[in-house]
């Protein structure tokens, strides 16, 4: 289990200045809630097919998967017993936090972990984890947590498969026939955009952002072009500021890339322009009270 340790922010920044940053390759993103069945029903109603992913080896959590054709996926996670403390993401699970974590895929997780540790970033791992699918197939992977707190909150966690990736995720049911390619962008809710860009930039290649605003998120947005990450800073004392007080910096939304095909199966959508890109926010809000899943055109 990951034990949070203290970060030395200045050390991380100083070490990173002389090091090439790691490229971002989204592996998957996580949505947490108290009731997995409720999450599955909400995604089914929004036009997504969800497969049961199985129980984790910690004996506490289990998950569902929305697998996309580019290999990325949405993980829906909860506890088997509603009164049990989860080793990770306990607050988002038990307080219906919704978006809570993001992971990036790396080919050589030991080398990547060592490189990040050399920059002064707190690392925990790589450690072997596993879950058992409903058909009793064993799935194993290596994971490295970065920074302090829950894995994948502000900094992503690193993941690399031990068993064939097809055991961990495949496109679910009708998903390949939809226009959705996969997870395009993780939107991180942060208190201070500039500080967050510096901190995330110690680990991964963030780039120079474009700036904008989101009425849906009630936020000032920084979105680096051609990077699968954006930053949302609350404007005023709205729900995003309250969320940051409750859960701290972590994902607040996910944008899914589409190829322009028929998206009517996903129901009514609220559209806004975000840093030069049109975002169609889907109606799914569970387990939160706010939209957090959007569609953006590829390219």
C-alpha atoms as a PDB file:
ATOM      1  CA  UNK A   1       0.000   0.000   0.000  1.00  0.00           C
ATOM      2  CA  UNK A   2       1.172   3.518  -0.803  1.00  0.00           C
ATOM      3  CA  UNK A   3       2.179   5.551   2.240  1.00  0.00           C
ATOM      4  CA  UNK A   4       2.216   9.328   1.568  1.00  0.00           C
ATOM      5  CA  UNK A   5       5.538  11.007   2.172  1.00  0.00           C
ATOM      6  CA  UNK A   6       6.446  14.678   2.226  1.00  0.00           C
ATOM      7  CA  UNK A   7       7.415  16.544  -0.949  1.00  0.00           C
ATOM      8  CA  UNK A   8      10.195  19.088  -1.120  1.00  0.00           C
ATOM      9  CA  UNK A   9       8.695  21.306  -3.799  1.00  0.00           C
ATOM     10  CA  UNK A  10      11.788  23.471  -4.306  1.00  0.00           C
ATOM     11  CA  UNK A  11      14.023  20.411  -4.635  1.00  0.00           C
ATOM     12  CA  UNK A  12      11.710  18.935  -7.251  1.00  0.00           C
ATOM     13  CA  UNK A  13      11.685  22.128  -9.298  1.00  0.00           C
ATOM     14  CA  UNK A  14      15.430  22.646  -9.100  1.00  0.00           C
ATOM     15  CA  UNK A  15      16.225  19.070 -10.084  1.00  0.00           C
ATOM     16  CA  UNK A  16      13.835  19.163 -13.006  1.00  0.00           C
ATOM     17  CA  UNK A  17      15.365  22.196 -14.716  1.00  0.00           C
ATOM     18  CA  UNK A  18      18.350  20.248 -16.020  1.00  0.00           C
ATOM     19  CA  UNK A  19      16.457  17.079 -16.988  1.00  0.00           C
ATOM     20  CA  UNK A  20      14.474  16.199 -20.079  1.00  0.00           C
ATOM     21  CA  UNK A  21      10.864  15.610 -19.129  1.00  0.00           C
ATOM     22  CA  UNK A  22       8.921  12.429 -19.733  1.00  0.00           C
ATOM     23  CA  UNK A  23       6.363  12.368 -22.519  1.00  0.00           C
ATOM     24  CA  UNK A  24       2.706  12.008 -21.585  1.00  0.00           C
ATOM     25  CA  UNK A  25       0.883   8.898 -22.783  1.00  0.00           C
ATOM     26  CA  UNK A  26      -2.479   8.464 -21.040  1.00  0.00           C
ATOM     27  CA  UNK A  27      -3.092   4.902 -19.892  1.00  0.00           C
ATOM     28  CA  UNK A  28      -6.394   5.319 -18.040  1.00  0.00           C
ATOM     29  CA  UNK A  29      -8.377   7.625 -15.783  1.00  0.00           C
ATOM     30  CA  UNK A  30     -10.479   6.838 -12.716  1.00  0.00           C
ATOM     31  CA  UNK A  31     -13.969   7.766 -11.496  1.00  0.00           C
ATOM     32  CA  UNK A  32     -14.721   6.952  -7.839  1.00  0.00           C
ATOM     33  CA  UNK A  33     -18.009   6.572  -5.993  1.00  0.00           C
ATOM     34  CA  UNK A  34     -19.715   4.808  -3.101  1.00  0.00           C
ATOM     35  CA  UNK A  35     -21.781   2.489  -5.303  1.00  0.00           C
ATOM     36  CA  UNK A  36     -20.276   0.779  -8.341  1.00  0.00           C
ATOM     37  CA  UNK A  37     -23.704  -0.273  -9.630  1.00  0.00           C
ATOM     38  CA  UNK A  38     -24.822   3.357  -9.596  1.00  0.00           C
ATOM     39  CA  UNK A  39     -21.750   4.385 -11.580  1.00  0.00           C
ATOM     40  CA  UNK A  40     -22.308   1.617 -14.122  1.00  0.00           C
ATOM     41  CA  UNK A  41     -25.978   2.564 -14.520  1.00  0.00           C
ATOM     42  CA  UNK A  42     -25.067   6.229 -15.050  1.00  0.00           C
ATOM     43  CA  UNK A  43     -22.551   5.405 -17.762  1.00  0.00           C
ATOM     44  CA  UNK A  44     -24.934   2.942 -19.412  1.00  0.00           C
ATOM     45  CA  UNK A  45     -27.605   5.652 -19.481  1.00  0.00           C
ATOM     46  CA  UNK A  46     -25.101   8.080 -21.030  1.00  0.00           C
ATOM     47  CA  UNK A  47     -24.413   5.697 -23.943  1.00  0.00           C
ATOM     48  CA  UNK A  48     -21.321   3.827 -22.723  1.00  0.00           C
ATOM     49  CA  UNK A  49     -20.868   0.076 -22.392  1.00  0.00           C
ATOM     50  CA  UNK A  50     -19.264  -0.958 -19.095  1.00  0.00           C
ATOM     51  CA  UNK A  51     -17.569  -4.301 -18.421  1.00  0.00           C
ATOM     52  CA  UNK A  52     -16.993  -5.597 -14.907  1.00  0.00           C
ATOM     53  CA  UNK A  53     -13.243  -5.548 -14.315  1.00  0.00           C
ATOM     54  CA  UNK A  54     -13.121  -7.654 -11.150  1.00  0.00           C
ATOM     55  CA  UNK A  55     -11.808  -7.419  -7.617  1.00  0.00           C
ATOM     56  CA  UNK A  56      -8.430  -5.983  -6.677  1.00  0.00           C
ATOM     57  CA  UNK A  57      -5.990  -8.081  -4.683  1.00  0.00           C
ATOM     58  CA  UNK A  58      -6.366  -5.679  -1.728  1.00  0.00           C
ATOM     59  CA  UNK A  59      -9.723  -7.377  -1.084  1.00  0.00           C
ATOM     60  CA  UNK A  60     -11.378  -3.972  -0.643  1.00  0.00           C
ATOM     61  CA  UNK A  61     -12.075  -2.435  -4.068  1.00  0.00           C
ATOM     62  CA  UNK A  62     -13.552  -3.570  -7.346  1.00  0.00           C
ATOM     63  CA  UNK A  63     -14.019  -1.836 -10.651  1.00  0.00           C
ATOM     64  CA  UNK A  64     -15.755  -1.483 -13.994  1.00  0.00           C
ATOM     65  CA  UNK A  65     -14.138  -0.572 -17.314  1.00  0.00           C
ATOM     66  CA  UNK A  66     -15.136   1.506 -20.313  1.00  0.00           C
ATOM     67  CA  UNK A  67     -12.468   0.467 -22.817  1.00  0.00           C
ATOM     68  CA  UNK A  68     -11.803   2.551 -25.934  1.00  0.00           C
ATOM     69  CA  UNK A  69     -10.325   1.616 -29.293  1.00  0.00           C
ATOM     70  CA  UNK A  70      -7.024   3.451 -28.749  1.00  0.00           C
ATOM     71  CA  UNK A  71      -6.341   1.288 -25.662  1.00  0.00           C
ATOM     72  CA  UNK A  72      -7.128   3.924 -23.032  1.00  0.00           C
ATOM     73  CA  UNK A  73      -9.988   3.394 -20.624  1.00  0.00           C
ATOM     74  CA  UNK A  74     -12.200   4.810 -17.908  1.00  0.00           C
ATOM     75  CA  UNK A  75     -11.995   2.923 -14.621  1.00  0.00           C
ATOM     76  CA  UNK A  76     -15.057   3.079 -12.359  1.00  0.00           C
ATOM     77  CA  UNK A  77     -14.034   2.164  -8.817  1.00  0.00           C
ATOM     78  CA  UNK A  78     -15.729   1.565  -5.474  1.00  0.00           C
ATOM     79  CA  UNK A  79     -15.412  -0.610  -2.388  1.00  0.00           C
ATOM     80  CA  UNK A  80     -16.989  -4.043  -2.133  1.00  0.00           C
ATOM     81  CA  UNK A  81     -18.230  -3.157   1.352  1.00  0.00           C
ATOM     82  CA  UNK A  82     -19.515   0.414   1.752  1.00  0.00           C
ATOM     83  CA  UNK A  83     -18.153   0.561   5.314  1.00  0.00           C
ATOM     84  CA  UNK A  84     -14.597  -0.472   4.407  1.00  0.00           C
ATOM     85  CA  UNK A  85     -11.697   1.981   4.152  1.00  0.00           C
ATOM     86  CA  UNK A  86     -10.076   1.952   0.723  1.00  0.00           C
ATOM     87  CA  UNK A  87      -6.252   1.943   0.614  1.00  0.00           C
ATOM     88  CA  UNK A  88      -6.337   4.535  -2.191  1.00  0.00           C
ATOM     89  CA  UNK A  89      -8.879   7.228  -3.081  1.00  0.00           C
ATOM     90  CA  UNK A  90     -10.869   6.608   0.091  1.00  0.00           C
ATOM     91  CA  UNK A  91     -12.303  10.132   0.292  1.00  0.00           C
ATOM     92  CA  UNK A  92     -13.389  10.307  -3.380  1.00  0.00           C
ATOM     93  CA  UNK A  93     -14.923   6.833  -3.073  1.00  0.00           C
ATOM     94  CA  UNK A  94     -16.867   7.383   0.146  1.00  0.00           C
ATOM     95  CA  UNK A  95     -17.827  10.997  -0.640  1.00  0.00           C
ATOM     96  CA  UNK A  96     -18.790  10.407  -4.293  1.00  0.00           C
ATOM     97  CA  UNK A  97     -15.911  12.451  -5.662  1.00  0.00           C
ATOM     98  CA  UNK A  98     -16.089  11.208  -9.253  1.00  0.00           C
ATOM     99  CA  UNK A  99     -12.874  12.003 -11.190  1.00  0.00           C
ATOM    100  CA  UNK A 100      -9.967  11.160  -8.898  1.00  0.00           C
ATOM    101  CA  UNK A 101      -6.825   9.860 -10.649  1.00  0.00           C
ATOM    102  CA  UNK A 102      -4.877   9.516 -13.878  1.00  0.00           C
ATOM    103  CA  UNK A 103      -2.155   7.155 -15.053  1.00  0.00           C
ATOM    104  CA  UNK A 104       0.448   7.282 -17.806  1.00  0.00           C
ATOM    105  CA  UNK A 105       1.812   4.271 -19.635  1.00  0.00           C
ATOM    106  CA  UNK A 106       5.577   3.662 -19.661  1.00  0.00           C
ATOM    107  CA  UNK A 107       7.549   0.924 -21.400  1.00  0.00           C
ATOM    108  CA  UNK A 108      10.320   0.593 -18.802  1.00  0.00           C
ATOM    109  CA  UNK A 109       8.859   1.493 -15.429  1.00  0.00           C
ATOM    110  CA  UNK A 110      12.052   0.818 -13.450  1.00  0.00           C
ATOM    111  CA  UNK A 111      14.104   3.191 -15.598  1.00  0.00           C
ATOM    112  CA  UNK A 112      11.346   5.810 -15.552  1.00  0.00           C
ATOM    113  CA  UNK A 113      11.025   5.547 -11.769  1.00  0.00           C
ATOM    114  CA  UNK A 114      14.776   5.931 -11.267  1.00  0.00           C
ATOM    115  CA  UNK A 115      14.890   8.948 -13.584  1.00  0.00           C
ATOM    116  CA  UNK A 116      12.114  10.703 -11.673  1.00  0.00           C
ATOM    117  CA  UNK A 117      13.731   9.906  -8.323  1.00  0.00           C
ATOM    118  CA  UNK A 118      16.971  11.435  -9.627  1.00  0.00           C
ATOM    119  CA  UNK A 119      15.051  14.694 -10.178  1.00  0.00           C
ATOM    120  CA  UNK A 120      14.113  14.815  -6.520  1.00  0.00           C
ATOM    121  CA  UNK A 121      10.525  13.614  -7.024  1.00  0.00           C
ATOM    122  CA  UNK A 122       9.124  11.369  -4.312  1.00  0.00           C
ATOM    123  CA  UNK A 123       8.488   7.919  -5.804  1.00  0.00           C
ATOM    124  CA  UNK A 124       6.931   4.778  -4.379  1.00  0.00           C
ATOM    125  CA  UNK A 125       7.479   1.722  -6.533  1.00  0.00           C
ATOM    126  CA  UNK A 126       7.508   0.070  -8.870  1.00  0.00           C
ATOM    127  CA  UNK A 127       5.263  -2.380  -7.019  1.00  0.00           C
ATOM    128  CA  UNK A 128       3.345  -5.352  -8.402  1.00  0.00           C
ATOM    129  CA  UNK A 129      -0.468  -5.174  -8.217  1.00  0.00           C
ATOM    130  CA  UNK A 130      -3.137  -7.527  -9.452  1.00  0.00           C
ATOM    131  CA  UNK A 131      -6.840  -8.163  -9.780  1.00  0.00           C
ATOM    132  CA  UNK A 132      -8.911 -11.173 -10.762  1.00  0.00           C
ATOM    133  CA  UNK A 133     -11.476 -10.822 -13.513  1.00  0.00           C
ATOM    134  CA  UNK A 134     -14.927 -12.375 -13.277  1.00  0.00           C
ATOM    135  CA  UNK A 135     -13.712 -15.282 -15.455  1.00  0.00           C
ATOM    136  CA  UNK A 136     -10.883 -15.922 -12.913  1.00  0.00           C
ATOM    137  CA  UNK A 137      -8.219 -14.517 -15.254  1.00  0.00           C
ATOM    138  CA  UNK A 138      -5.348 -12.962 -13.301  1.00  0.00           C
ATOM    139  CA  UNK A 139      -4.258  -9.450 -14.336  1.00  0.00           C
ATOM    140  CA  UNK A 140      -0.900  -8.088 -13.114  1.00  0.00           C
ATOM    141  CA  UNK A 141       0.879  -4.777 -13.548  1.00  0.00           C
ATOM    142  CA  UNK A 142       3.652  -2.636 -12.036  1.00  0.00           C
ATOM    143  CA  UNK A 143       2.787   0.762 -10.576  1.00  0.00           C
ATOM    144  CA  UNK A 144       4.842   3.705  -9.317  1.00  0.00           C
ATOM    145  CA  UNK A 145       3.183   6.502  -7.335  1.00  0.00           C
ATOM    146  CA  UNK A 146       4.638  10.008  -7.655  1.00  0.00           C
ATOM    147  CA  UNK A 147       4.581  12.779  -5.069  1.00  0.00           C
ATOM    148  CA  UNK A 148       2.483  12.703  -1.927  1.00  0.00           C
ATOM    149  CA  UNK A 149      -1.128  11.766  -1.263  1.00  0.00           C
ATOM    150  CA  UNK A 150      -3.276   9.499  -3.402  1.00  0.00           C
ATOM    151  CA  UNK A 151      -1.582   8.114  -6.522  1.00  0.00           C
ATOM    152  CA  UNK A 152      -2.595   9.995  -9.648  1.00  0.00           C
ATOM    153  CA  UNK A 153      -4.015  13.035  -7.898  1.00  0.00           C
ATOM    154  CA  UNK A 154      -1.895  15.963  -9.147  1.00  0.00           C
ATOM    155  CA  UNK A 155       1.034  13.987 -10.549  1.00  0.00           C
ATOM    156  CA  UNK A 156       0.057  10.915 -12.576  1.00  0.00           C
ATOM    157  CA  UNK A 157       1.078   7.466 -11.498  1.00  0.00           C
ATOM    158  CA  UNK A 158       3.145   5.258 -13.803  1.00  0.00           C
ATOM    159  CA  UNK A 159       1.847   1.882 -14.942  1.00  0.00           C
ATOM    160  CA  UNK A 160       3.279  -0.977 -16.979  1.00  0.00           C
ATOM    161  CA  UNK A 161       1.745  -4.394 -17.718  1.00  0.00           C
ATOM    162  CA  UNK A 162       3.187  -7.700 -16.534  1.00  0.00           C
ATOM    163  CA  UNK A 163       0.472  -9.838 -18.105  1.00  0.00           C
ATOM    164  CA  UNK A 164      -0.737  -9.108 -21.667  1.00  0.00           C
ATOM    165  CA  UNK A 165      -2.465  -5.746 -21.824  1.00  0.00           C
ATOM    166  CA  UNK A 166      -5.504  -7.393 -23.386  1.00  0.00           C
ATOM    167  CA  UNK A 167      -6.128  -9.003 -19.998  1.00  0.00           C
ATOM    168  CA  UNK A 168      -6.306  -5.582 -18.337  1.00  0.00           C
ATOM    169  CA  UNK A 169      -8.406  -3.816 -20.973  1.00  0.00           C
ATOM    170  CA  UNK A 170     -10.057  -4.352 -24.346  1.00  0.00           C
ATOM    171  CA  UNK A 171     -12.657  -2.154 -26.060  1.00  0.00           C
ATOM    172  CA  UNK A 172     -15.997  -2.848 -24.384  1.00  0.00           C
ATOM    173  CA  UNK A 173     -19.001  -4.114 -26.359  1.00  0.00           C
ATOM    174  CA  UNK A 174     -20.257  -1.459 -28.799  1.00  0.00           C
ATOM    175  CA  UNK A 175     -17.527   1.074 -27.953  1.00  0.00           C
ATOM    176  CA  UNK A 176     -15.428   0.421 -31.113  1.00  0.00           C
ATOM    177  CA  UNK A 177     -18.461   1.282 -33.272  1.00  0.00           C
ATOM    178  CA  UNK A 178     -18.855   4.720 -31.680  1.00  0.00           C
ATOM    179  CA  UNK A 179     -16.929   7.825 -32.822  1.00  0.00           C
ATOM    180  CA  UNK A 180     -15.008   7.965 -29.533  1.00  0.00           C
ATOM    181  CA  UNK A 181     -11.326   7.139 -29.929  1.00  0.00           C
ATOM    182  CA  UNK A 182     -10.259   7.318 -26.275  1.00  0.00           C
ATOM    183  CA  UNK A 183      -9.167   9.567 -23.415  1.00  0.00           C
ATOM    184  CA  UNK A 184      -7.847  12.783 -24.950  1.00  0.00           C
ATOM    185  CA  UNK A 185      -7.272  15.153 -22.004  1.00  0.00           C
ATOM    186  CA  UNK A 186      -7.211  15.049 -18.210  1.00  0.00           C
ATOM    187  CA  UNK A 187      -8.455  18.305 -16.665  1.00  0.00           C
ATOM    188  CA  UNK A 188      -6.783  18.843 -13.285  1.00  0.00           C
ATOM    189  CA  UNK A 189      -8.549  20.940 -10.666  1.00  0.00           C
ATOM    190  CA  UNK A 190      -5.917  23.100  -8.952  1.00  0.00           C
ATOM    191  CA  UNK A 191      -5.800  26.110  -6.628  1.00  0.00           C
ATOM    192  CA  UNK A 192      -3.104  27.937  -8.600  1.00  0.00           C
ATOM    193  CA  UNK A 193      -2.546  27.196 -12.289  1.00  0.00           C
ATOM    194  CA  UNK A 194       1.002  28.507 -12.577  1.00  0.00           C
ATOM    195  CA  UNK A 195       2.177  26.573  -9.513  1.00  0.00           C
ATOM    196  CA  UNK A 196       0.480  23.393 -10.720  1.00  0.00           C
ATOM    197  CA  UNK A 197       2.099  23.653 -14.153  1.00  0.00           C
ATOM    198  CA  UNK A 198       5.503  23.945 -12.477  1.00  0.00           C
ATOM    199  CA  UNK A 199       4.854  20.961 -10.234  1.00  0.00           C
ATOM    200  CA  UNK A 200       3.494  18.658 -12.937  1.00  0.00           C
ATOM    201  CA  UNK A 201       6.269  19.832 -15.237  1.00  0.00           C
ATOM    202  CA  UNK A 202       8.856  18.376 -12.878  1.00  0.00           C
ATOM    203  CA  UNK A 203       7.717  14.909 -13.940  1.00  0.00           C
ATOM    204  CA  UNK A 204       6.212  15.122 -17.408  1.00  0.00           C
ATOM    205  CA  UNK A 205       6.473  17.303 -20.489  1.00  0.00           C
ATOM    206  CA  UNK A 206       3.681  19.869 -20.072  1.00  0.00           C
ATOM    207  CA  UNK A 207       4.535  22.571 -22.599  1.00  0.00           C
ATOM    208  CA  UNK A 208       3.304  26.170 -22.872  1.00  0.00           C
ATOM    209  CA  UNK A 209      -0.446  26.566 -22.324  1.00  0.00           C
ATOM    210  CA  UNK A 210      -3.196  28.457 -24.047  1.00  0.00           C
ATOM    211  CA  UNK A 211      -5.561  30.267 -21.714  1.00  0.00           C
ATOM    212  CA  UNK A 212      -9.320  30.334 -21.526  1.00  0.00           C
ATOM    213  CA  UNK A 213     -12.351  29.956 -19.291  1.00  0.00           C
ATOM    214  CA  UNK A 214     -14.980  27.275 -18.725  1.00  0.00           C
ATOM    215  CA  UNK A 215     -18.505  28.197 -17.647  1.00  0.00           C
ATOM    216  CA  UNK A 216     -19.279  24.523 -16.996  1.00  0.00           C
ATOM    217  CA  UNK A 217     -16.345  24.119 -14.625  1.00  0.00           C
ATOM    218  CA  UNK A 218     -16.470  27.701 -13.340  1.00  0.00           C
ATOM    219  CA  UNK A 219     -12.758  27.929 -13.931  1.00  0.00           C
ATOM    220  CA  UNK A 220      -9.834  29.672 -15.542  1.00  0.00           C
ATOM    221  CA  UNK A 221      -8.245  27.106 -17.868  1.00  0.00           C
ATOM    222  CA  UNK A 222      -4.665  26.540 -19.030  1.00  0.00           C
ATOM    223  CA  UNK A 223      -4.417  24.004 -21.856  1.00  0.00           C
ATOM    224  CA  UNK A 224      -1.010  23.215 -23.376  1.00  0.00           C
ATOM    225  CA  UNK A 225      -1.460  22.438 -27.108  1.00  0.00           C
ATOM    226  CA  UNK A 226      -0.805  18.831 -28.131  1.00  0.00           C
ATOM    227  CA  UNK A 227      -0.646  17.663 -24.509  1.00  0.00           C
ATOM    228  CA  UNK A 228      -3.256  15.407 -22.878  1.00  0.00           C
ATOM    229  CA  UNK A 229      -3.560  17.567 -19.758  1.00  0.00           C
ATOM    230  CA  UNK A 230      -5.211  20.866 -18.837  1.00  0.00           C
ATOM    231  CA  UNK A 231      -5.478  22.847 -15.598  1.00  0.00           C
ATOM    232  CA  UNK A 232      -8.625  24.367 -14.072  1.00  0.00           C
ATOM    233  CA  UNK A 233      -8.382  27.063 -11.387  1.00  0.00           C
ATOM    234  CA  UNK A 234     -11.671  28.093  -9.708  1.00  0.00           C
ATOM    235  CA  UNK A 235     -13.122  31.505 -10.405  1.00  0.00           C
ATOM    236  CA  UNK A 236     -14.685  32.608  -7.142  1.00  0.00           C
ATOM    237  CA  UNK A 237     -16.150  30.470  -4.385  1.00  0.00           C
ATOM    238  CA  UNK A 238     -18.174  28.007  -6.464  1.00  0.00           C
ATOM    239  CA  UNK A 239     -18.342  24.220  -6.497  1.00  0.00           C
ATOM    240  CA  UNK A 240     -14.803  23.781  -7.855  1.00  0.00           C
ATOM    241  CA  UNK A 241     -13.326  25.741  -4.938  1.00  0.00           C
ATOM    242  CA  UNK A 242     -15.406  23.616  -2.549  1.00  0.00           C
ATOM    243  CA  UNK A 243     -14.223  20.449  -4.269  1.00  0.00           C
ATOM    244  CA  UNK A 244     -10.591  21.479  -3.865  1.00  0.00           C
ATOM    245  CA  UNK A 245     -11.184  22.039  -0.153  1.00  0.00           C
ATOM    246  CA  UNK A 246     -12.680  18.557   0.139  1.00  0.00           C
ATOM    247  CA  UNK A 247     -10.423  16.481  -2.114  1.00  0.00           C
ATOM    248  CA  UNK A 248      -7.377  18.648  -2.876  1.00  0.00           C
ATOM    249  CA  UNK A 249      -5.802  18.985  -6.341  1.00  0.00           C
ATOM    250  CA  UNK A 250      -6.794  16.095  -8.608  1.00  0.00           C
ATOM    251  CA  UNK A 251      -8.686  15.461 -11.855  1.00  0.00           C
ATOM    252  CA  UNK A 252     -11.962  17.336 -12.165  1.00  0.00           C
ATOM    253  CA  UNK A 253     -12.899  16.277 -15.689  1.00  0.00           C
ATOM    254  CA  UNK A 254     -11.978  14.069 -18.623  1.00  0.00           C
ATOM    255  CA  UNK A 255     -12.226  14.902 -22.327  1.00  0.00           C
ATOM    256  CA  UNK A 256     -12.717  12.049 -24.782  1.00  0.00           C
ATOM    257  CA  UNK A 257     -11.510  12.395 -28.366  1.00  0.00           C
ATOM    258  CA  UNK A 258     -13.931  11.637 -31.218  1.00  0.00           C
ATOM    259  CA  UNK A 259     -13.565  11.350 -34.993  1.00  0.00           C
ATOM    260  CA  UNK A 260     -16.615  13.424 -35.918  1.00  0.00           C
ATOM    261  CA  UNK A 261     -19.089  10.574 -36.381  1.00  0.00           C
ATOM    262  CA  UNK A 262     -22.650  10.295 -35.077  1.00  0.00           C
ATOM    263  CA  UNK A 263     -22.688  11.084 -31.356  1.00  0.00           C
ATOM    264  CA  UNK A 264     -26.456  11.001 -30.828  1.00  0.00           C
ATOM    265  CA  UNK A 265     -26.259   7.884 -28.627  1.00  0.00           C
ATOM    266  CA  UNK A 266     -24.643  10.037 -25.934  1.00  0.00           C
ATOM    267  CA  UNK A 267     -27.770  12.186 -25.549  1.00  0.00           C
ATOM    268  CA  UNK A 268     -28.081  15.923 -24.939  1.00  0.00           C
ATOM    269  CA  UNK A 269     -24.798  17.787 -24.664  1.00  0.00           C
ATOM    270  CA  UNK A 270     -23.802  21.238 -23.417  1.00  0.00           C
ATOM    271  CA  UNK A 271     -21.249  22.841 -25.755  1.00  0.00           C
ATOM    272  CA  UNK A 272     -18.636  25.484 -24.998  1.00  0.00           C
ATOM    273  CA  UNK A 273     -15.312  26.575 -26.469  1.00  0.00           C
ATOM    274  CA  UNK A 274     -12.353  25.730 -24.287  1.00  0.00           C
ATOM    275  CA  UNK A 275      -8.986  27.227 -25.239  1.00  0.00           C
ATOM    276  CA  UNK A 276      -9.922  27.139 -28.915  1.00  0.00           C
ATOM    277  CA  UNK A 277     -11.506  23.661 -28.866  1.00  0.00           C
ATOM    278  CA  UNK A 278     -15.205  22.869 -28.917  1.00  0.00           C
ATOM    279  CA  UNK A 279     -16.156  20.694 -25.930  1.00  0.00           C
ATOM    280  CA  UNK A 280     -19.462  18.836 -25.743  1.00  0.00           C
ATOM    281  CA  UNK A 281     -20.101  18.172 -22.069  1.00  0.00           C
ATOM    282  CA  UNK A 282     -22.160  15.010 -21.567  1.00  0.00           C
ATOM    283  CA  UNK A 283     -25.135  14.857 -19.234  1.00  0.00           C
ATOM    284  CA  UNK A 284     -23.591  12.207 -16.964  1.00  0.00           C
ATOM    285  CA  UNK A 285     -22.925  13.674 -13.511  1.00  0.00           C
ATOM    286  CA  UNK A 286     -23.079  10.671 -11.162  1.00  0.00           C
ATOM    287  CA  UNK A 287     -21.733  10.283  -8.583  1.00  0.00           C
ATOM    288  CA  UNK A 288     -21.216  14.086  -8.371  1.00  0.00           C
ATOM    289  CA  UNK A 289     -23.687  16.880  -9.090  1.00  0.00           C
ATOM    290  CA  UNK A 290     -21.590  18.335 -11.925  1.00  0.00           C
ATOM    291  CA  UNK A 291     -20.698  17.441 -15.502  1.00  0.00           C
ATOM    292  CA  UNK A 292     -17.185  16.094 -15.811  1.00  0.00           C
ATOM    293  CA  UNK A 293     -17.095  14.142 -19.082  1.00  0.00           C
ATOM    294  CA  UNK A 294     -16.680  15.962 -22.394  1.00  0.00           C
ATOM    295  CA  UNK A 295     -16.159  15.153 -26.067  1.00  0.00           C
ATOM    296  CA  UNK A 296     -13.582  16.935 -28.249  1.00  0.00           C
ATOM    297  CA  UNK A 297     -12.768  16.460 -31.926  1.00  0.00           C
ATOM    298  CA  UNK A 298      -9.513  14.709 -32.772  1.00  0.00           C
ATOM    299  CA  UNK A 299      -6.737  16.830 -34.223  1.00  0.00           C
END
